[in-house]
Structure formats: C-alpha cells, structure tokens
C-alpha atoms as a PDB file:
ATOM      1  CA  UNK A   1     -19.581 -47.637 -64.969  1.00  0.00           C
ATOM      2  CA  UNK A   2     -19.982 -51.316 -64.151  1.00  0.00           C
ATOM      3  CA  UNK A   3     -17.877 -53.767 -62.170  1.00  0.00           C
ATOM      4  CA  UNK A   4     -16.738 -56.694 -64.290  1.00  0.00           C
ATOM      5  CA  UNK A   5     -14.300 -59.604 -64.295  1.00  0.00           C
ATOM      6  CA  UNK A   6     -11.471 -59.546 -66.814  1.00  0.00           C
ATOM      7  CA  UNK A   7     -12.875 -62.730 -68.398  1.00  0.00           C
ATOM      8  CA  UNK A   8     -16.264 -61.079 -68.865  1.00  0.00           C
ATOM      9  CA  UNK A   9     -14.587 -57.997 -70.343  1.00  0.00           C
ATOM     10  CA  UNK A  10     -12.913 -60.196 -72.960  1.00  0.00           C
ATOM     11  CA  UNK A  11     -16.256 -61.849 -73.714  1.00  0.00           C
ATOM     12  CA  UNK A  12     -17.889 -58.435 -74.135  1.00  0.00           C
ATOM     13  CA  UNK A  13     -15.159 -57.322 -76.522  1.00  0.00           C
ATOM     14  CA  UNK A  14     -15.722 -60.385 -78.697  1.00  0.00           C
ATOM     15  CA  UNK A  15     -19.487 -59.863 -78.760  1.00  0.00           C
ATOM     16  CA  UNK A  16     -19.125 -56.214 -79.694  1.00  0.00           C
ATOM     17  CA  UNK A  17     -16.592 -56.817 -82.448  1.00  0.00           C
ATOM     18  CA  UNK A  18     -18.569 -59.643 -84.051  1.00  0.00           C
ATOM     19  CA  UNK A  19     -21.629 -57.370 -83.930  1.00  0.00           C
ATOM     20  CA  UNK A  20     -19.702 -54.414 -85.382  1.00  0.00           C
ATOM     21  CA  UNK A  21     -17.977 -56.167 -88.285  1.00  0.00           C
ATOM     22  CA  UNK A  22     -19.361 -59.171 -90.132  1.00  0.00           C
ATOM     23  CA  UNK A  23     -15.841 -60.060 -91.293  1.00  0.00           C
ATOM     24  CA  UNK A  24     -14.832 -60.947 -87.728  1.00  0.00           C
ATOM     25  CA  UNK A  25     -15.221 -64.582 -86.695  1.00  0.00           C
ATOM     26  CA  UNK A  26     -13.933 -66.803 -83.902  1.00  0.00           C
ATOM     27  CA  UNK A  27     -12.466 -70.234 -84.530  1.00  0.00           C
ATOM     28  CA  UNK A  28     -10.644 -72.682 -82.238  1.00  0.00           C
ATOM     29  CA  UNK A  29     -11.194 -75.695 -79.998  1.00  0.00           C
ATOM     30  CA  UNK A  30     -14.491 -75.591 -78.047  1.00  0.00           C
ATOM     31  CA  UNK A  31     -15.168 -71.888 -78.701  1.00  0.00           C
ATOM     32  CA  UNK A  32     -18.570 -72.555 -80.276  1.00  0.00           C
ATOM     33  CA  UNK A  33     -21.489 -74.279 -78.583  1.00  0.00           C
ATOM     34  CA  UNK A  34     -19.378 -75.110 -75.521  1.00  0.00           C
ATOM     35  CA  UNK A  35     -18.495 -71.446 -75.009  1.00  0.00           C
ATOM     36  CA  UNK A  36     -14.776 -71.979 -74.615  1.00  0.00           C
ATOM     37  CA  UNK A  37     -12.760 -73.896 -72.043  1.00  0.00           C
ATOM     38  CA  UNK A  38     -12.408 -70.661 -70.034  1.00  0.00           C
ATOM     39  CA  UNK A  39     -15.923 -69.401 -70.980  1.00  0.00           C
ATOM     40  CA  UNK A  40     -14.425 -66.469 -72.848  1.00  0.00           C
ATOM     41  CA  UNK A  41     -16.552 -67.165 -75.939  1.00  0.00           C
ATOM     42  CA  UNK A  42     -19.852 -68.022 -74.230  1.00  0.00           C
ATOM     43  CA  UNK A  43     -22.922 -66.775 -76.056  1.00  0.00           C
ATOM     44  CA  UNK A  44     -21.217 -66.224 -79.402  1.00  0.00           C
ATOM     45  CA  UNK A  45     -22.500 -69.467 -80.922  1.00  0.00           C
ATOM     46  CA  UNK A  46     -26.075 -68.735 -79.881  1.00  0.00           C
ATOM     47  CA  UNK A  47     -25.968 -65.145 -81.156  1.00  0.00           C
ATOM     48  CA  UNK A  48     -23.892 -65.410 -84.319  1.00  0.00           C
ATOM     49  CA  UNK A  49     -24.130 -69.069 -85.340  1.00  0.00           C
ATOM     50  CA  UNK A  50     -21.674 -71.860 -86.049  1.00  0.00           C
ATOM     51  CA  UNK A  51     -19.960 -70.133 -88.982  1.00  0.00           C
ATOM     52  CA  UNK A  52     -18.805 -67.211 -86.826  1.00  0.00           C
ATOM     53  CA  UNK A  53     -18.149 -69.133 -83.610  1.00  0.00           C
ATOM     54  CA  UNK A  54     -16.638 -72.276 -85.039  1.00  0.00           C
ATOM     55  CA  UNK A  55     -15.397 -75.329 -83.159  1.00  0.00           C
ATOM     56  CA  UNK A  56     -12.414 -77.192 -84.580  1.00  0.00           C
ATOM     57  CA  UNK A  57     -10.660 -80.520 -84.075  1.00  0.00           C
ATOM     58  CA  UNK A  58      -7.614 -80.546 -81.799  1.00  0.00           C
ATOM     59  CA  UNK A  59      -5.249 -79.186 -84.429  1.00  0.00           C
ATOM     60  CA  UNK A  60      -3.637 -75.836 -83.665  1.00  0.00           C
ATOM     61  CA  UNK A  61      -1.685 -76.039 -86.911  1.00  0.00           C
ATOM     62  CA  UNK A  62      -4.870 -76.633 -88.879  1.00  0.00           C
ATOM     63  CA  UNK A  63      -7.104 -73.890 -87.552  1.00  0.00           C
ATOM     64  CA  UNK A  64      -4.269 -71.345 -87.293  1.00  0.00           C
ATOM     65  CA  UNK A  65      -3.322 -72.020 -90.893  1.00  0.00           C
ATOM     66  CA  UNK A  66      -6.981 -71.543 -91.813  1.00  0.00           C
ATOM     67  CA  UNK A  67      -6.862 -68.149 -90.080  1.00  0.00           C
ATOM     68  CA  UNK A  68      -3.875 -67.107 -92.187  1.00  0.00           C
ATOM     69  CA  UNK A  69      -5.731 -67.935 -95.391  1.00  0.00           C
ATOM     70  CA  UNK A  70      -8.950 -66.311 -94.189  1.00  0.00           C
ATOM     71  CA  UNK A  71      -7.110 -63.106 -93.302  1.00  0.00           C
ATOM     72  CA  UNK A  72      -5.422 -63.004 -96.712  1.00  0.00           C
ATOM     73  CA  UNK A  73      -8.886 -63.373 -98.258  1.00  0.00           C
ATOM     74  CA  UNK A  74     -10.195 -60.332 -96.374  1.00  0.00           C
ATOM     75  CA  UNK A  75     -11.687 -61.745 -93.162  1.00  0.00           C
ATOM     76  CA  UNK A  76     -10.634 -60.903 -89.586  1.00  0.00           C
ATOM     77  CA  UNK A  77     -10.221 -64.181 -87.677  1.00  0.00           C
ATOM     78  CA  UNK A  78      -9.856 -64.412 -83.906  1.00  0.00           C
ATOM     79  CA  UNK A  79      -8.476 -67.680 -82.626  1.00  0.00           C
ATOM     80  CA  UNK A  80      -7.700 -69.064 -79.196  1.00  0.00           C
ATOM     81  CA  UNK A  81      -4.720 -71.198 -78.231  1.00  0.00           C
ATOM     82  CA  UNK A  82      -6.066 -72.860 -75.100  1.00  0.00           C
ATOM     83  CA  UNK A  83      -2.725 -72.662 -73.269  1.00  0.00           C
ATOM     84  CA  UNK A  84       0.113 -70.533 -74.554  1.00  0.00           C
ATOM     85  CA  UNK A  85       2.326 -73.632 -74.322  1.00  0.00           C
ATOM     86  CA  UNK A  86       0.310 -75.172 -77.184  1.00  0.00           C
ATOM     87  CA  UNK A  87       1.326 -72.347 -79.512  1.00  0.00           C
ATOM     88  CA  UNK A  88       4.386 -74.472 -80.287  1.00  0.00           C
ATOM     89  CA  UNK A  89       2.097 -76.657 -82.426  1.00  0.00           C
ATOM     90  CA  UNK A  90       1.451 -73.809 -84.880  1.00  0.00           C
ATOM     91  CA  UNK A  91       4.727 -71.910 -84.970  1.00  0.00           C
ATOM     92  CA  UNK A  92       5.208 -72.453 -88.703  1.00  0.00           C
ATOM     93  CA  UNK A  93       1.780 -71.017 -89.487  1.00  0.00           C
ATOM     94  CA  UNK A  94       2.418 -68.017 -87.239  1.00  0.00           C
ATOM     95  CA  UNK A  95       6.130 -67.270 -87.527  1.00  0.00           C
ATOM     96  CA  UNK A  96       6.779 -68.294 -91.124  1.00  0.00           C
ATOM     97  CA  UNK A  97       3.424 -67.364 -92.654  1.00  0.00           C
ATOM     98  CA  UNK A  98       1.289 -64.891 -90.683  1.00  0.00           C
ATOM     99  CA  UNK A  99       4.181 -62.656 -89.645  1.00  0.00           C
ATOM    100  CA  UNK A 100       5.707 -62.479 -93.126  1.00  0.00           C
ATOM    101  CA  UNK A 101       2.948 -62.717 -95.744  1.00  0.00           C
ATOM    102  CA  UNK A 102       2.342 -58.985 -95.979  1.00  0.00           C
ATOM    103  CA  UNK A 103       5.997 -58.160 -96.692  1.00  0.00           C
ATOM    104  CA  UNK A 104       6.579 -61.183 -98.938  1.00  0.00           C
ATOM    105  CA  UNK A 105       3.501 -60.306-101.004  1.00  0.00           C
ATOM    106  CA  UNK A 106       4.714 -56.757-101.545  1.00  0.00           C
ATOM    107  CA  UNK A 107       1.896 -55.536 -99.252  1.00  0.00           C
ATOM    108  CA  UNK A 108      -0.787 -57.066-101.443  1.00  0.00           C
ATOM    109  CA  UNK A 109      -2.133 -58.794 -98.331  1.00  0.00           C
ATOM    110  CA  UNK A 110      -2.830 -57.717 -94.794  1.00  0.00           C
ATOM    111  CA  UNK A 111      -2.977 -60.266 -91.969  1.00  0.00           C
ATOM    112  CA  UNK A 112      -5.586 -59.079 -89.428  1.00  0.00           C
ATOM    113  CA  UNK A 113      -5.364 -62.120 -87.149  1.00  0.00           C
ATOM    114  CA  UNK A 114      -5.817 -61.991 -83.375  1.00  0.00           C
ATOM    115  CA  UNK A 115      -4.392 -64.930 -81.435  1.00  0.00           C
ATOM    116  CA  UNK A 116      -5.812 -64.986 -77.901  1.00  0.00           C
ATOM    117  CA  UNK A 117      -3.823 -67.203 -75.575  1.00  0.00           C
ATOM    118  CA  UNK A 118      -4.082 -67.731 -71.799  1.00  0.00           C
ATOM    119  CA  UNK A 119      -0.761 -68.098 -70.014  1.00  0.00           C
ATOM    120  CA  UNK A 120       0.683 -68.095 -66.521  1.00  0.00           C
ATOM    121  CA  UNK A 121       2.250 -70.050 -63.710  1.00  0.00           C
ATOM    122  CA  UNK A 122       1.048 -70.857 -60.219  1.00  0.00           C
ATOM    123  CA  UNK A 123      -1.919 -73.034 -61.168  1.00  0.00           C
ATOM    124  CA  UNK A 124      -0.209 -76.394 -60.484  1.00  0.00           C
ATOM    125  CA  UNK A 125      -0.402 -77.481 -64.128  1.00  0.00           C
ATOM    126  CA  UNK A 126       3.252 -78.436 -64.579  1.00  0.00           C
ATOM    127  CA  UNK A 127       5.809 -77.681 -67.256  1.00  0.00           C
ATOM    128  CA  UNK A 128       3.628 -77.954 -70.375  1.00  0.00           C
ATOM    129  CA  UNK A 129       0.862 -75.615 -69.175  1.00  0.00           C
ATOM    130  CA  UNK A 130       2.728 -72.880 -67.319  1.00  0.00           C
ATOM    131  CA  UNK A 131       4.964 -71.023 -69.749  1.00  0.00           C
ATOM    132  CA  UNK A 132       5.162 -67.315 -70.546  1.00  0.00           C
ATOM    133  CA  UNK A 133       6.465 -67.097 -74.104  1.00  0.00           C
ATOM    134  CA  UNK A 134       6.118 -63.498 -75.254  1.00  0.00           C
ATOM    135  CA  UNK A 135       9.853 -63.271 -75.956  1.00  0.00           C
ATOM    136  CA  UNK A 136       9.545 -65.541 -78.987  1.00  0.00           C
ATOM    137  CA  UNK A 137       7.031 -63.260 -80.669  1.00  0.00           C
ATOM    138  CA  UNK A 138       8.644 -60.013 -79.598  1.00  0.00           C
ATOM    139  CA  UNK A 139      11.771 -61.132 -81.421  1.00  0.00           C
ATOM    140  CA  UNK A 140       9.871 -62.095 -84.587  1.00  0.00           C
ATOM    141  CA  UNK A 141       9.245 -59.159 -86.957  1.00  0.00           C
ATOM    142  CA  UNK A 142       5.603 -58.834 -87.962  1.00  0.00           C
ATOM    143  CA  UNK A 143       3.740 -59.381 -84.678  1.00  0.00           C
ATOM    144  CA  UNK A 144       2.192 -57.047 -82.170  1.00  0.00           C
ATOM    145  CA  UNK A 145       2.333 -58.475 -78.653  1.00  0.00           C
ATOM    146  CA  UNK A 146      -0.265 -57.358 -76.113  1.00  0.00           C
ATOM    147  CA  UNK A 147      -0.523 -58.250 -72.432  1.00  0.00           C
ATOM    148  CA  UNK A 148      -3.298 -56.572 -70.391  1.00  0.00           C
ATOM    149  CA  UNK A 149      -3.224 -56.385 -66.604  1.00  0.00           C
ATOM    150  CA  UNK A 150      -6.885 -55.653 -65.869  1.00  0.00           C
ATOM    151  CA  UNK A 151     -10.427 -55.834 -67.198  1.00  0.00           C
ATOM    152  CA  UNK A 152     -10.525 -52.284 -68.599  1.00  0.00           C
ATOM    153  CA  UNK A 153      -7.378 -52.767 -70.652  1.00  0.00           C
ATOM    154  CA  UNK A 154      -8.298 -56.318 -71.677  1.00  0.00           C
ATOM    155  CA  UNK A 155     -11.515 -55.174 -73.315  1.00  0.00           C
ATOM    156  CA  UNK A 156     -10.117 -52.032 -74.915  1.00  0.00           C
ATOM    157  CA  UNK A 157      -6.908 -53.625 -76.145  1.00  0.00           C
ATOM    158  CA  UNK A 158      -8.678 -56.696 -77.556  1.00  0.00           C
ATOM    159  CA  UNK A 159     -11.014 -54.510 -79.579  1.00  0.00           C
ATOM    160  CA  UNK A 160      -8.020 -52.574 -80.930  1.00  0.00           C
ATOM    161  CA  UNK A 161      -6.201 -55.817 -81.752  1.00  0.00           C
ATOM    162  CA  UNK A 162      -9.152 -57.209 -83.709  1.00  0.00           C
ATOM    163  CA  UNK A 163      -9.347 -53.986 -85.739  1.00  0.00           C
ATOM    164  CA  UNK A 164      -5.603 -53.926 -86.411  1.00  0.00           C
ATOM    165  CA  UNK A 165      -4.245 -55.192 -89.738  1.00  0.00           C
ATOM    166  CA  UNK A 166      -1.223 -56.870 -88.120  1.00  0.00           C
ATOM    167  CA  UNK A 167      -1.124 -60.343 -86.505  1.00  0.00           C
ATOM    168  CA  UNK A 168      -1.596 -59.734 -82.769  1.00  0.00           C
ATOM    169  CA  UNK A 169      -0.580 -62.112 -79.989  1.00  0.00           C
ATOM    170  CA  UNK A 170      -3.027 -61.287 -77.194  1.00  0.00           C
ATOM    171  CA  UNK A 171      -1.787 -62.760 -73.910  1.00  0.00           C
ATOM    172  CA  UNK A 172      -4.266 -63.285 -71.055  1.00  0.00           C
ATOM    173  CA  UNK A 173      -2.988 -64.294 -67.635  1.00  0.00           C
ATOM    174  CA  UNK A 174      -5.563 -66.773 -66.398  1.00  0.00           C
ATOM    175  CA  UNK A 175      -4.768 -65.865 -62.793  1.00  0.00           C
ATOM    176  CA  UNK A 176      -6.309 -62.452 -63.581  1.00  0.00           C
ATOM    177  CA  UNK A 177      -9.502 -63.759 -65.192  1.00  0.00           C
ATOM    178  CA  UNK A 178     -11.635 -63.242 -62.088  1.00  0.00           C
ATOM    179  CA  UNK A 179     -10.141 -59.934 -60.951  1.00  0.00           C
ATOM    180  CA  UNK A 180     -12.810 -57.231 -61.040  1.00  0.00           C
ATOM    181  CA  UNK A 181     -12.720 -53.539 -61.843  1.00  0.00           C
ATOM    182  CA  UNK A 182     -15.025 -50.790 -63.089  1.00  0.00           C
ATOM    183  CA  UNK A 183     -15.232 -50.217 -66.832  1.00  0.00           C
ATOM    184  CA  UNK A 184     -17.447 -47.859 -68.870  1.00  0.00           C
ATOM    185  CA  UNK A 185     -20.912 -48.935 -69.999  1.00  0.00           C
ATOM    186  CA  UNK A 186     -20.331 -47.357 -73.391  1.00  0.00           C
ATOM    187  CA  UNK A 187     -17.970 -48.654 -76.083  1.00  0.00           C
ATOM    188  CA  UNK A 188     -14.294 -47.737 -75.848  1.00  0.00           C
ATOM    189  CA  UNK A 189     -10.910 -48.887 -77.119  1.00  0.00           C
ATOM    190  CA  UNK A 190      -7.388 -48.693 -75.703  1.00  0.00           C
ATOM    191  CA  UNK A 191      -4.690 -47.768 -78.261  1.00  0.00           C
ATOM    192  CA  UNK A 192      -1.931 -50.234 -78.994  1.00  0.00           C
ATOM    193  CA  UNK A 193       1.586 -49.033 -78.237  1.00  0.00           C
ATOM    194  CA  UNK A 194       0.729 -46.691 -75.367  1.00  0.00           C
ATOM    195  CA  UNK A 195       1.878 -47.495 -71.827  1.00  0.00           C
ATOM    196  CA  UNK A 196      -0.083 -46.559 -68.706  1.00  0.00           C
ATOM    197  CA  UNK A 197       1.566 -44.792 -65.770  1.00  0.00           C
ATOM    198  CA  UNK A 198      -0.261 -46.560 -62.950  1.00  0.00           C
ATOM    199  CA  UNK A 199       1.402 -44.537 -60.194  1.00  0.00           C
ATOM    200  CA  UNK A 200       3.747 -41.583 -60.447  1.00  0.00           C
ATOM    201  CA  UNK A 201       7.023 -41.272 -58.543  1.00  0.00           C
ATOM    202  CA  UNK A 202      10.494 -39.767 -58.447  1.00  0.00           C
ATOM    203  CA  UNK A 203      12.820 -42.313 -56.770  1.00  0.00           C
ATOM    204  CA  UNK A 204      12.511 -45.456 -58.920  1.00  0.00           C
ATOM    205  CA  UNK A 205      10.892 -46.621 -62.154  1.00  0.00           C
ATOM    206  CA  UNK A 206       9.260 -50.051 -62.251  1.00  0.00           C
ATOM    207  CA  UNK A 207       8.243 -51.334 -65.686  1.00  0.00           C
ATOM    208  CA  UNK A 208       5.957 -54.338 -65.905  1.00  0.00           C
ATOM    209  CA  UNK A 209       2.883 -55.809 -67.644  1.00  0.00           C
ATOM    210  CA  UNK A 210       0.251 -58.471 -67.101  1.00  0.00           C
ATOM    211  CA  UNK A 211       0.120 -59.950 -63.618  1.00  0.00           C
ATOM    212  CA  UNK A 212       3.310 -58.087 -62.723  1.00  0.00           C
ATOM    213  CA  UNK A 213       1.271 -54.925 -62.113  1.00  0.00           C
ATOM    214  CA  UNK A 214      -0.634 -56.313 -59.115  1.00  0.00           C
ATOM    215  CA  UNK A 215       2.472 -58.010 -57.787  1.00  0.00           C
ATOM    216  CA  UNK A 216       4.417 -54.737 -57.924  1.00  0.00           C
ATOM    217  CA  UNK A 217       1.596 -52.856 -56.223  1.00  0.00           C
ATOM    218  CA  UNK A 218       1.788 -55.308 -53.319  1.00  0.00           C
ATOM    219  CA  UNK A 219       5.548 -54.831 -53.084  1.00  0.00           C
ATOM    220  CA  UNK A 220       5.272 -51.041 -53.272  1.00  0.00           C
ATOM    221  CA  UNK A 221       2.796 -51.040 -50.368  1.00  0.00           C
ATOM    222  CA  UNK A 222       5.574 -52.487 -48.198  1.00  0.00           C
ATOM    223  CA  UNK A 223       7.863 -49.557 -49.043  1.00  0.00           C
ATOM    224  CA  UNK A 224       5.458 -46.660 -48.404  1.00  0.00           C
ATOM    225  CA  UNK A 225       8.155 -44.011 -47.979  1.00  0.00           C
ATOM    226  CA  UNK A 226       9.557 -44.581 -51.475  1.00  0.00           C
ATOM    227  CA  UNK A 227       8.287 -42.517 -54.414  1.00  0.00           C
ATOM    228  CA  UNK A 228       7.975 -45.168 -57.135  1.00  0.00           C
ATOM    229  CA  UNK A 229       6.712 -44.716 -60.687  1.00  0.00           C
ATOM    230  CA  UNK A 230       4.886 -47.854 -61.870  1.00  0.00           C
ATOM    231  CA  UNK A 231       4.534 -48.248 -65.641  1.00  0.00           C
ATOM    232  CA  UNK A 232       2.252 -50.860 -67.203  1.00  0.00           C
ATOM    233  CA  UNK A 233       3.463 -51.393 -70.769  1.00  0.00           C
ATOM    234  CA  UNK A 234       0.147 -52.964 -71.861  1.00  0.00           C
ATOM    235  CA  UNK A 235       1.605 -53.451 -75.375  1.00  0.00           C
ATOM    236  CA  UNK A 236       5.060 -55.013 -75.451  1.00  0.00           C
ATOM    237  CA  UNK A 237       5.386 -54.640 -79.231  1.00  0.00           C
ATOM    238  CA  UNK A 238       5.131 -51.868 -80.225  1.00  0.00           C
ATOM    239  CA  UNK A 239       6.689 -50.695 -76.969  1.00  0.00           C
ATOM    240  CA  UNK A 240       6.130 -47.226 -75.573  1.00  0.00           C
ATOM    241  CA  UNK A 241       9.805 -46.846 -74.744  1.00  0.00           C
ATOM    242  CA  UNK A 242       9.568 -43.056 -74.722  1.00  0.00           C
ATOM    243  CA  UNK A 243       7.464 -43.219 -71.557  1.00  0.00           C
ATOM    244  CA  UNK A 244       9.979 -45.580 -69.960  1.00  0.00           C
ATOM    245  CA  UNK A 245      12.957 -43.388 -70.854  1.00  0.00           C
ATOM    246  CA  UNK A 246      11.286 -40.209 -69.616  1.00  0.00           C
ATOM    247  CA  UNK A 247      10.603 -41.928 -66.325  1.00  0.00           C
ATOM    248  CA  UNK A 248      14.196 -43.124 -65.957  1.00  0.00           C
ATOM    249  CA  UNK A 249      15.394 -39.620 -66.780  1.00  0.00           C
ATOM    250  CA  UNK A 250      13.417 -38.442 -63.757  1.00  0.00           C
ATOM    251  CA  UNK A 251      14.152 -41.287 -61.291  1.00  0.00           C
ATOM    252  CA  UNK A 252      17.634 -42.520 -62.267  1.00  0.00           C
ATOM    253  CA  UNK A 253      16.735 -46.113 -61.414  1.00  0.00           C
ATOM    254  CA  UNK A 254      14.807 -48.877 -63.182  1.00  0.00           C
ATOM    255  CA  UNK A 255      13.487 -52.313 -62.278  1.00  0.00           C
ATOM    256  CA  UNK A 256      11.713 -54.456 -64.875  1.00  0.00           C
ATOM    257  CA  UNK A 257       9.368 -57.136 -63.543  1.00  0.00           C
ATOM    258  CA  UNK A 258       7.690 -59.873 -65.600  1.00  0.00           C
ATOM    259  CA  UNK A 259       6.562 -63.452 -65.216  1.00  0.00           C
ATOM    260  CA  UNK A 260       8.886 -64.796 -67.895  1.00  0.00           C
ATOM    261  CA  UNK A 261      12.387 -65.760 -66.870  1.00  0.00           C
ATOM    262  CA  UNK A 262      14.797 -62.836 -66.593  1.00  0.00           C
ATOM    263  CA  UNK A 263      17.390 -64.358 -68.923  1.00  0.00           C
ATOM    264  CA  UNK A 264      17.036 -63.499 -72.651  1.00  0.00           C
ATOM    265  CA  UNK A 265      13.822 -61.611 -71.886  1.00  0.00           C
ATOM    266  CA  UNK A 266      11.733 -58.524 -72.617  1.00  0.00           C
ATOM    267  CA  UNK A 267      13.287 -57.076 -69.479  1.00  0.00           C
ATOM    268  CA  UNK A 268      16.741 -57.653 -70.930  1.00  0.00           C
ATOM    269  CA  UNK A 269      15.734 -55.708 -74.037  1.00  0.00           C
ATOM    270  CA  UNK A 270      14.367 -52.809 -71.991  1.00  0.00           C
ATOM    271  CA  UNK A 271      17.606 -52.632 -70.013  1.00  0.00           C
ATOM    272  CA  UNK A 272      19.606 -52.704 -73.271  1.00  0.00           C
ATOM    273  CA  UNK A 273      17.626 -49.749 -74.607  1.00  0.00           C
ATOM    274  CA  UNK A 274      17.900 -47.811 -71.361  1.00  0.00           C
ATOM    275  CA  UNK A 275      21.676 -48.293 -71.303  1.00  0.00           C
ATOM    276  CA  UNK A 276      21.946 -47.333 -74.967  1.00  0.00           C
ATOM    277  CA  UNK A 277      19.694 -44.265 -74.883  1.00  0.00           C
ATOM    278  CA  UNK A 278      19.813 -43.157 -71.262  1.00  0.00           C
ATOM    279  CA  UNK A 279      23.024 -44.382 -69.649  1.00  0.00           C
ATOM    280  CA  UNK A 280      23.810 -40.938 -68.272  1.00  0.00           C
ATOM    281  CA  UNK A 281      20.467 -40.837 -66.469  1.00  0.00           C
ATOM    282  CA  UNK A 282      21.227 -43.923 -64.358  1.00  0.00           C
ATOM    283  CA  UNK A 283      22.266 -43.660 -60.707  1.00  0.00           C
ATOM    284  CA  UNK A 284      22.175 -47.440 -60.120  1.00  0.00           C
ATOM    285  CA  UNK A 285      22.436 -50.577 -62.218  1.00  0.00           C
ATOM    286  CA  UNK A 286      19.204 -51.496 -64.044  1.00  0.00           C
ATOM    287  CA  UNK A 287      17.649 -54.757 -62.829  1.00  0.00           C
ATOM    288  CA  UNK A 288      15.283 -57.398 -64.203  1.00  0.00           C
ATOM    289  CA  UNK A 289      13.250 -59.674 -61.932  1.00  0.00           C
ATOM    290  CA  UNK A 290      11.283 -62.648 -63.222  1.00  0.00           C
ATOM    291  CA  UNK A 291      10.699 -66.326 -62.683  1.00  0.00           C
ATOM    292  CA  UNK A 292      13.523 -68.813 -62.477  1.00  0.00           C
ATOM    293  CA  UNK A 293      14.625 -70.179 -65.860  1.00  0.00           C
ATOM    294  CA  UNK A 294      13.452 -73.754 -65.358  1.00  0.00           C
ATOM    295  CA  UNK A 295      10.419 -75.840 -66.381  1.00  0.00           C
ATOM    296  CA  UNK A 296       7.561 -75.419 -63.914  1.00  0.00           C
ATOM    297  CA  UNK A 297       7.425 -78.316 -61.434  1.00  0.00           C
ATOM    298  CA  UNK A 298       4.063 -79.922 -60.696  1.00  0.00           C
ATOM    299  CA  UNK A 299       4.692 -80.044 -56.947  1.00  0.00           C
ATOM    300  CA  UNK A 300       3.252 -76.908 -55.377  1.00  0.00           C
ATOM    301  CA  UNK A 301       6.152 -76.169 -53.055  1.00  0.00           C
ATOM    302  CA  UNK A 302       8.639 -76.456 -55.921  1.00  0.00           C
ATOM    303  CA  UNK A 303       6.540 -74.317 -58.247  1.00  0.00           C
ATOM    304  CA  UNK A 304       6.334 -71.651 -55.551  1.00  0.00           C
ATOM    305  CA  UNK A 305      10.113 -71.730 -55.235  1.00  0.00           C
ATOM    306  CA  UNK A 306      10.701 -70.731 -58.877  1.00  0.00           C
ATOM    307  CA  UNK A 307       8.072 -67.975 -59.044  1.00  0.00           C
ATOM    308  CA  UNK A 308       8.582 -64.259 -58.574  1.00  0.00           C
ATOM    309  CA  UNK A 309       6.930 -62.862 -55.451  1.00  0.00           C
ATOM    310  CA  UNK A 310       6.014 -59.474 -53.946  1.00  0.00           C
ATOM    311  CA  UNK A 311       8.782 -60.088 -51.411  1.00  0.00           C
ATOM    312  CA  UNK A 312      11.253 -60.541 -54.240  1.00  0.00           C
ATOM    313  CA  UNK A 313      10.151 -57.276 -55.846  1.00  0.00           C
ATOM    314  CA  UNK A 314      10.401 -55.524 -52.482  1.00  0.00           C
ATOM    315  CA  UNK A 315      13.966 -56.776 -52.077  1.00  0.00           C
ATOM    316  CA  UNK A 316      14.944 -55.380 -55.482  1.00  0.00           C
ATOM    317  CA  UNK A 317      13.280 -52.051 -54.676  1.00  0.00           C
ATOM    318  CA  UNK A 318      15.147 -51.690 -51.393  1.00  0.00           C
ATOM    319  CA  UNK A 319      18.443 -52.616 -53.022  1.00  0.00           C
ATOM    320  CA  UNK A 320      18.050 -50.053 -55.805  1.00  0.00           C
ATOM    321  CA  UNK A 321      17.114 -47.342 -53.323  1.00  0.00           C
ATOM    322  CA  UNK A 322      19.723 -48.102 -50.652  1.00  0.00           C
ATOM    323  CA  UNK A 323      22.404 -50.290 -52.236  1.00  0.00           C
ATOM    324  CA  UNK A 324      21.928 -52.783 -49.402  1.00  0.00           C
ATOM    325  CA  UNK A 325      21.269 -56.443 -50.165  1.00  0.00           C
ATOM    326  CA  UNK A 326      18.862 -57.953 -47.679  1.00  0.00           C
END
C-alpha cells in the first residue's frame, strides 16, 4: 500500500491507461507540456508525446467535438473541462452527439469518451466556477455519471470509465484533490454501478457521493449513539439503487446529502424511487440536504451561508431520529 493524494491517484490512472492501450489519448486545454491547470496530467506529454497528451485552444466545443469523432473512429479520448461550469460551452457536442450517436447509428458506433471535470463550491471563485451540475447528465440518456469521494475510488473508477464504451462524465471535487489515503501498489479497478457501504448501521440510511462522504462522517461523529449506515454511491448513473433500498428496508429512514441544490436533484430522484419501491419500509419522511439553490456569491461569508455543512447534516440526522427540529 502507499499513501497518495486523490490528484496523484488520477494522474496515475491516466499514466497506466495510456500505457495499457495505445488508443487512449488525452486532449484539452493545457493538458500537454504544461501538465494541466490542476497538474492532473503532469508527465503525460514527456512520456507519451504531443499526439497523446495534446493541448488545444480555448474551445470546449472544438476539442469535445473532436473527441466525439475520434471515439466513433475507434479511439478512446479522455478530455478535461477545466471547471464543470465550462461544460455549458460544449453541451451540443455532448448531449446531442456523444450521448446519442450509438443509438442513432443502430449501434454501429460506440462512444468511449471520458470527460473529466473538476467541480465544487467553497473556493471563493464565484457563480461561474462553483457549480455542481450532475443532474443535467443524469437526466440525459446515454451518459454514465461518476463522482468519487477518495483517492482509491478516483483511480479505480477512472480506469473503469476509460475502458467503458459509454460516454462517462467523471466529476472530481477539487476540494478533495489533496486528501490522502492508502491505495494498492498493484493495478486495480473499481466497477461502475456499485455503491460502497462506508459504515454499517440500523437506525438511519445516509446516501451521498463526492465530498458529501467526508461531510457526513463529520456529522455522524457528533451523533455517536446513533447507528447510521453511510452509503457512497460512487456512480450516480448507473445507480446501485438495490443497495440503497436494502438499507432503507433495514433502517426505515433515509437522508440524501449532496453538494448540488436539493431542488430538482439526484436526491429528489432517490427519494422518488424509495417512495415508489419501498414506501412501506419508511418510518419517517425521506429528506434531501444540499446547497441553497442560488448562484454562488464571491463574498466568502455569503458563499458560506449557501453551503451545506456538517452541522446541517447533524440537524437532519437528529430530526429523522427524534422528530424534533432543533
């Protein structure tokens, strides 16, 4: 085992996959000689050359469209959208082309594209650099949506995404980039579509992903007498809903926590499924807790005011367990 940052785990995954398969290449802004704005692609240019670690002009539509064509021609492109907010500049290429070309071609094409994109709030970067937009792609047929919470999962899931024949939106919370954990020295992958039960419990189910895992752990530490089952989805689409439902069957209560706003969210969809498939299991109303549905302010005190917190999660936990609003 070795202790590694999540950012370094992502870099290792890219190195290993480019080494393993000559059809894999990386293309985006500054991912070549510069090594990436976040240093996620450092060393690729030196090891594999400019044709497999390729810098582009500032044109998300251009290089994402190139990835669609390259994938249809048999290559396996990996691209990076520097901030998830900038994915709006290539929505036609992704939503209307990448997500649909396999079906519209009668399965003559596969679209093995991996779109890596850092996201997250709390970095004082204002409304155009702080959004969490997984809901758009979860609602669009044709994508897999992946959101790791730690270095081990980031490496294993990214390798699985690159090998997958479906367009994958790979979301990386930049606030987790320098979190460390032990991962194996040898090669491994993490399967897409399989949740991780981080902690077992009998009183309450918490479902989350990405940075929500650490936030929920902090909240759970403040309620030590409660037996809480913490589920990290890891892959939002396809979702391991069976694990969620089995947990709710046992606990009778569910709280979904994610950085995106609660309204019209992944959490809303999970609650819909729980009510549809497991209404009789519930002993309390299912809840969703996320950020406030408003553009992120630049002012630090205002940004803090719209963000979910461990204290907010703790309040929801205590309410679901006792019925008392703090």
